[in-house]
Amino acid sequence: VYVKVSLMNHNKFIKSKKTAAVLGSPNPVYNKTFNFKADQTELDTTSLSLSVLQSIKGESK
């Protein structure tokens, strides 16, 4: 299980980053800082999308 953080502007994908996968925990904890560069003039239309995903063995991400 890992978390993917995506930077969006006007609901369009800009960039994403993800945590390392945490295996074997029913309640994984993620303590990671993500930094994205965003133009100050676009902050009112910029958002972050958080997704919690489970990788399947043998499947590429």
PDB file of N, CA and C in Angstrom:
ATOM      1  N   VAL A   1       0.859  -1.174   0.000  1.00  0.00           N
ATOM      2  CA  VAL A   1       0.000   0.000   0.000  1.00  0.00           C
ATOM      3  C   VAL A   1       0.903   1.234   0.000  1.00  0.00           C
ATOM      4  N   TYR A   2       0.585   2.187  -0.848  1.00  0.00           N
ATOM      5  CA  TYR A   2       1.349   3.426  -0.908  1.00  0.00           C
ATOM      6  C   TYR A   2       0.395   4.587  -1.188  1.00  0.00           C
ATOM      7  N   VAL A   3       0.907   5.797  -0.991  1.00  0.00           N
ATOM      8  CA  VAL A   3       0.112   7.003  -1.226  1.00  0.00           C
ATOM      9  C   VAL A   3       0.715   7.753  -2.407  1.00  0.00           C
ATOM     10  N   LYS A   4      -0.148   8.182  -3.302  1.00  0.00           N
ATOM     11  CA  LYS A   4       0.263   8.975  -4.458  1.00  0.00           C
ATOM     12  C   LYS A   4      -0.348  10.367  -4.304  1.00  0.00           C
ATOM     13  N   VAL A   5       0.493  11.384  -4.406  1.00  0.00           N
ATOM     14  CA  VAL A   5       0.053  12.773  -4.295  1.00  0.00           C
ATOM     15  C   VAL A   5       0.238  13.422  -5.666  1.00  0.00           C
ATOM     16  N   SER A   6      -0.834  13.958  -6.212  1.00  0.00           N
ATOM     17  CA  SER A   6      -0.773  14.572  -7.541  1.00  0.00           C
ATOM     18  C   SER A   6      -1.105  16.053  -7.456  1.00  0.00           C
ATOM     19  N   LEU A   7      -0.304  16.858  -8.117  1.00  0.00           N
ATOM     20  CA  LEU A   7      -0.551  18.292  -8.235  1.00  0.00           C
ATOM     21  C   LEU A   7      -1.421  18.507  -9.461  1.00  0.00           C
ATOM     22  N   MET A   8      -2.516  19.234  -9.268  1.00  0.00           N
ATOM     23  CA  MET A   8      -3.469  19.482 -10.343  1.00  0.00           C
ATOM     24  C   MET A   8      -3.658  20.998 -10.506  1.00  0.00           C
ATOM     25  N   ASN A   9      -3.937  21.418 -11.735  1.00  0.00           N
ATOM     26  CA  ASN A   9      -4.294  22.812 -11.982  1.00  0.00           C
ATOM     27  C   ASN A   9      -5.468  22.803 -12.948  1.00  0.00           C
ATOM     28  N   HIS A  10      -6.567  23.432 -12.540  1.00  0.00           N
ATOM     29  CA  HIS A  10      -7.817  23.385 -13.325  1.00  0.00           C
ATOM     30  C   HIS A  10      -8.209  21.933 -13.589  1.00  0.00           C
ATOM     31  N   ASN A  11      -8.026  21.069 -12.581  1.00  0.00           N
ATOM     32  CA  ASN A  11      -8.335  19.632 -12.663  1.00  0.00           C
ATOM     33  C   ASN A  11      -7.528  18.891 -13.720  1.00  0.00           C
ATOM     34  N   LYS A  12      -6.407  19.467 -14.153  1.00  0.00           N
ATOM     35  CA  LYS A  12      -5.513  18.786 -15.086  1.00  0.00           C
ATOM     36  C   LYS A  12      -4.241  18.395 -14.342  1.00  0.00           C
ATOM     37  N   PHE A  13      -3.771  17.181 -14.615  1.00  0.00           N
ATOM     38  CA  PHE A  13      -2.587  16.643 -13.971  1.00  0.00           C
ATOM     39  C   PHE A  13      -1.345  17.462 -14.324  1.00  0.00           C
ATOM     40  N   ILE A  14      -0.534  17.797 -13.302  1.00  0.00           N
ATOM     41  CA  ILE A  14       0.730  18.495 -13.516  1.00  0.00           C
ATOM     42  C   ILE A  14       1.899  17.567 -13.190  1.00  0.00           C
ATOM     43  N   LYS A  15       1.913  17.028 -11.966  1.00  0.00           N
ATOM     44  CA  LYS A  15       3.013  16.179 -11.525  1.00  0.00           C
ATOM     45  C   LYS A  15       2.548  15.340 -10.346  1.00  0.00           C
ATOM     46  N   SER A  16       3.147  14.154 -10.177  1.00  0.00           N
ATOM     47  CA  SER A  16       2.810  13.341  -9.009  1.00  0.00           C
ATOM     48  C   SER A  16       4.066  12.787  -8.357  1.00  0.00           C
ATOM     49  N   LYS A  17       3.916  12.460  -7.084  1.00  0.00           N
ATOM     50  CA  LYS A  17       4.973  11.841  -6.291  1.00  0.00           C
ATOM     51  C   LYS A  17       4.305  10.783  -5.427  1.00  0.00           C
ATOM     52  N   LYS A  18       5.089   9.805  -4.969  1.00  0.00           N
ATOM     53  CA  LYS A  18       4.489   8.759  -4.151  1.00  0.00           C
ATOM     54  C   LYS A  18       5.416   8.341  -3.025  1.00  0.00           C
ATOM     55  N   THR A  19       4.818   7.728  -2.015  1.00  0.00           N
ATOM     56  CA  THR A  19       5.576   7.208  -0.887  1.00  0.00           C
ATOM     57  C   THR A  19       6.131   5.839  -1.258  1.00  0.00           C
ATOM     58  N   ALA A  20       6.987   5.341  -0.404  1.00  0.00           N
ATOM     59  CA  ALA A  20       7.409   3.948  -0.519  1.00  0.00           C
ATOM     60  C   ALA A  20       6.240   3.075  -0.079  1.00  0.00           C
ATOM     61  N   ALA A  21       6.187   1.871  -0.590  1.00  0.00           N
ATOM     62  CA  ALA A  21       5.121   0.942  -0.203  1.00  0.00           C
ATOM     63  C   ALA A  21       5.366   0.435   1.212  1.00  0.00           C
ATOM     64  N   VAL A  22       4.298   0.325   1.988  1.00  0.00           N
ATOM     65  CA  VAL A  22       4.349  -0.264   3.327  1.00  0.00           C
ATOM     66  C   VAL A  22       3.649  -1.616   3.223  1.00  0.00           C
ATOM     67  N   LEU A  23       4.403  -2.662   3.509  1.00  0.00           N
ATOM     68  CA  LEU A  23       3.873  -4.017   3.356  1.00  0.00           C
ATOM     69  C   LEU A  23       3.502  -4.632   4.698  1.00  0.00           C
ATOM     70  N   GLY A  24       2.458  -5.417   4.710  1.00  0.00           N
ATOM     71  CA  GLY A  24       2.097  -6.222   5.864  1.00  0.00           C
ATOM     72  C   GLY A  24       1.519  -5.489   7.054  1.00  0.00           C
ATOM     73  N   SER A  25       1.093  -4.260   6.891  1.00  0.00           N
ATOM     74  CA  SER A  25       0.512  -3.513   8.006  1.00  0.00           C
ATOM     75  C   SER A  25      -0.956  -3.215   7.714  1.00  0.00           C
ATOM     76  N   PRO A  26      -1.855  -3.560   8.653  1.00  0.00           N
ATOM     77  CA  PRO A  26      -3.263  -3.227   8.432  1.00  0.00           C
ATOM     78  C   PRO A  26      -3.542  -1.732   8.591  1.00  0.00           C
ATOM     79  N   ASN A  27      -2.629  -1.014   9.258  1.00  0.00           N
ATOM     80  CA  ASN A  27      -2.777   0.432   9.484  1.00  0.00           C
ATOM     81  C   ASN A  27      -1.458   1.139   9.194  1.00  0.00           C
ATOM     82  N   PRO A  28      -1.064   1.225   7.932  1.00  0.00           N
ATOM     83  CA  PRO A  28       0.226   1.850   7.624  1.00  0.00           C
ATOM     84  C   PRO A  28       0.232   3.340   7.959  1.00  0.00           C
ATOM     85  N   VAL A  29       1.400   3.815   8.362  1.00  0.00           N
ATOM     86  CA  VAL A  29       1.590   5.233   8.684  1.00  0.00           C
ATOM     87  C   VAL A  29       2.609   5.790   7.700  1.00  0.00           C
ATOM     88  N   TYR A  30       2.288   6.929   7.124  1.00  0.00           N
ATOM     89  CA  TYR A  30       3.175   7.590   6.178  1.00  0.00           C
ATOM     90  C   TYR A  30       3.550   8.944   6.758  1.00  0.00           C
ATOM     91  N   ASN A  31       4.835   9.160   6.948  1.00  0.00           N
ATOM     92  CA  ASN A  31       5.321  10.422   7.511  1.00  0.00           C
ATOM     93  C   ASN A  31       6.336  10.994   6.530  1.00  0.00           C
ATOM     94  N   LYS A  32       5.863  11.474   5.414  1.00  0.00           N
ATOM     95  CA  LYS A  32       6.721  11.963   4.344  1.00  0.00           C
ATOM     96  C   LYS A  32       6.252  13.354   3.929  1.00  0.00           C
ATOM     97  N   THR A  33       7.197  14.191   3.624  1.00  0.00           N
ATOM     98  CA  THR A  33       6.903  15.541   3.148  1.00  0.00           C
ATOM     99  C   THR A  33       7.061  15.583   1.633  1.00  0.00           C
ATOM    100  N   PHE A  34       6.100  16.190   0.962  1.00  0.00           N
ATOM    101  CA  PHE A  34       6.171  16.368  -0.482  1.00  0.00           C
ATOM    102  C   PHE A  34       6.270  17.857  -0.781  1.00  0.00           C
ATOM    103  N   ASN A  35       7.138  18.204  -1.707  1.00  0.00           N
ATOM    104  CA  ASN A  35       7.277  19.594  -2.138  1.00  0.00           C
ATOM    105  C   ASN A  35       6.971  19.683  -3.624  1.00  0.00           C
ATOM    106  N   PHE A  36       6.112  20.625  -3.971  1.00  0.00           N
ATOM    107  CA  PHE A  36       5.787  20.890  -5.364  1.00  0.00           C
ATOM    108  C   PHE A  36       6.019  22.372  -5.623  1.00  0.00           C
ATOM    109  N   LYS A  37       6.489  22.688  -6.804  1.00  0.00           N
ATOM    110  CA  LYS A  37       6.621  24.086  -7.199  1.00  0.00           C
ATOM    111  C   LYS A  37       5.352  24.488  -7.938  1.00  0.00           C
ATOM    112  N   ALA A  38       4.777  25.594  -7.501  1.00  0.00           N
ATOM    113  CA  ALA A  38       3.572  26.110  -8.149  1.00  0.00           C
ATOM    114  C   ALA A  38       3.702  27.624  -8.245  1.00  0.00           C
ATOM    115  N   ASP A  39       3.284  28.156  -9.358  1.00  0.00           N
ATOM    116  CA  ASP A  39       3.331  29.595  -9.563  1.00  0.00           C
ATOM    117  C   ASP A  39       2.327  30.266  -8.626  1.00  0.00           C
ATOM    118  N   GLN A  40       2.754  31.300  -7.938  1.00  0.00           N
ATOM    119  CA  GLN A  40       1.893  31.970  -6.960  1.00  0.00           C
ATOM    120  C   GLN A  40       0.603  32.490  -7.592  1.00  0.00           C
ATOM    121  N   THR A  41       0.652  32.892  -8.837  1.00  0.00           N
ATOM    122  CA  THR A  41      -0.544  33.430  -9.495  1.00  0.00           C
ATOM    123  C   THR A  41      -1.567  32.341  -9.816  1.00  0.00           C
ATOM    124  N   GLU A  42      -1.168  31.060  -9.726  1.00  0.00           N
ATOM    125  CA  GLU A  42      -2.080  29.962 -10.039  1.00  0.00           C
ATOM    126  C   GLU A  42      -2.560  29.210  -8.801  1.00  0.00           C
ATOM    127  N   LEU A  43      -2.211  29.684  -7.614  1.00  0.00           N
ATOM    128  CA  LEU A  43      -2.567  28.961  -6.395  1.00  0.00           C
ATOM    129  C   LEU A  43      -4.073  28.818  -6.201  1.00  0.00           C
ATOM    130  N   ASP A  44      -4.845  29.773  -6.672  1.00  0.00           N
ATOM    131  CA  ASP A  44      -6.300  29.686  -6.489  1.00  0.00           C
ATOM    132  C   ASP A  44      -6.942  28.604  -7.360  1.00  0.00           C
ATOM    133  N   THR A  45      -6.234  28.102  -8.369  1.00  0.00           N
ATOM    134  CA  THR A  45      -6.772  27.041  -9.228  1.00  0.00           C
ATOM    135  C   THR A  45      -5.982  25.735  -9.093  1.00  0.00           C
ATOM    136  N   THR A  46      -5.058  25.695  -8.140  1.00  0.00           N
ATOM    137  CA  THR A  46      -4.213  24.518  -7.931  1.00  0.00           C
ATOM    138  C   THR A  46      -4.752  23.685  -6.780  1.00  0.00           C
ATOM    139  N   SER A  47      -4.685  22.368  -6.933  1.00  0.00           N
ATOM    140  CA  SER A  47      -5.149  21.463  -5.878  1.00  0.00           C
ATOM    141  C   SER A  47      -4.239  20.244  -5.808  1.00  0.00           C
ATOM    142  N   LEU A  48      -4.385  19.494  -4.716  1.00  0.00           N
ATOM    143  CA  LEU A  48      -3.669  18.235  -4.542  1.00  0.00           C
ATOM    144  C   LEU A  48      -4.681  17.102  -4.511  1.00  0.00           C
ATOM    145  N   SER A  49      -4.344  16.018  -5.156  1.00  0.00           N
ATOM    146  CA  SER A  49      -5.164  14.813  -5.136  1.00  0.00           C
ATOM    147  C   SER A  49      -4.377  13.733  -4.406  1.00  0.00           C
ATOM    148  N   LEU A  50      -4.988  13.123  -3.384  1.00  0.00           N
ATOM    149  CA  LEU A  50      -4.350  12.050  -2.622  1.00  0.00           C
ATOM    150  C   LEU A  50      -5.032  10.733  -2.956  1.00  0.00           C
ATOM    151  N   SER A  51      -4.235   9.731  -3.307  1.00  0.00           N
ATOM    152  CA  SER A  51      -4.770   8.404  -3.612  1.00  0.00           C
ATOM    153  C   SER A  51      -4.013   7.373  -2.796  1.00  0.00           C
ATOM    154  N   VAL A  52      -4.745   6.480  -2.158  1.00  0.00           N
ATOM    155  CA  VAL A  52      -4.136   5.355  -1.452  1.00  0.00           C
ATOM    156  C   VAL A  52      -4.296   4.150  -2.362  1.00  0.00           C
ATOM    157  N   LEU A  53      -3.168   3.565  -2.758  1.00  0.00           N
ATOM    158  CA  LEU A  53      -3.178   2.506  -3.758  1.00  0.00           C
ATOM    159  C   LEU A  53      -2.503   1.246  -3.238  1.00  0.00           C
ATOM    160  N   GLN A  54      -2.930   0.130  -3.750  1.00  0.00           N
ATOM    161  CA  GLN A  54      -2.318  -1.144  -3.392  1.00  0.00           C
ATOM    162  C   GLN A  54      -1.656  -1.709  -4.633  1.00  0.00           C
ATOM    163  N   SER A  55      -0.357  -1.956  -4.545  1.00  0.00           N
ATOM    164  CA  SER A  55       0.334  -2.545  -5.684  1.00  0.00           C
ATOM    165  C   SER A  55       0.106  -4.054  -5.674  1.00  0.00           C
ATOM    166  N   ILE A  56      -0.043  -4.610  -6.849  1.00  0.00           N
ATOM    167  CA  ILE A  56      -0.270  -6.044  -6.996  1.00  0.00           C
ATOM    168  C   ILE A  56       1.029  -6.669  -7.483  1.00  0.00           C
ATOM    169  N   LYS A  57       1.458  -7.726  -6.811  1.00  0.00           N
ATOM    170  CA  LYS A  57       2.720  -8.377  -7.140  1.00  0.00           C
ATOM    171  C   LYS A  57       2.759  -8.739  -8.625  1.00  0.00           C
ATOM    172  N   GLY A  58       3.860  -8.352  -9.277  1.00  0.00           N
ATOM    173  CA  GLY A  58       4.028  -8.647 -10.687  1.00  0.00           C
ATOM    174  C   GLY A  58       3.447  -7.608 -11.620  1.00  0.00           C
ATOM    175  N   GLU A  59       2.746  -6.623 -11.083  1.00  0.00           N
ATOM    176  CA  GLU A  59       2.137  -5.574 -11.910  1.00  0.00           C
ATOM    177  C   GLU A  59       3.019  -4.340 -11.860  1.00  0.00           C
ATOM    178  N   SER A  60       3.349  -3.777 -13.011  1.00  0.00           N
ATOM    179  CA  SER A  60       4.161  -2.557 -13.026  1.00  0.00           C
ATOM    180  C   SER A  60       3.291  -1.358 -12.728  1.00  0.00           C
ATOM    181  N   LYS A  61       3.902  -0.330 -12.103  1.00  0.00           N
ATOM    182  CA  LYS A  61       3.151   0.869 -11.706  1.00  0.00           C
ATOM    183  C   LYS A  61       3.318   1.953 -12.726  1.00  0.00           C
TER     184      LYS A  61
END
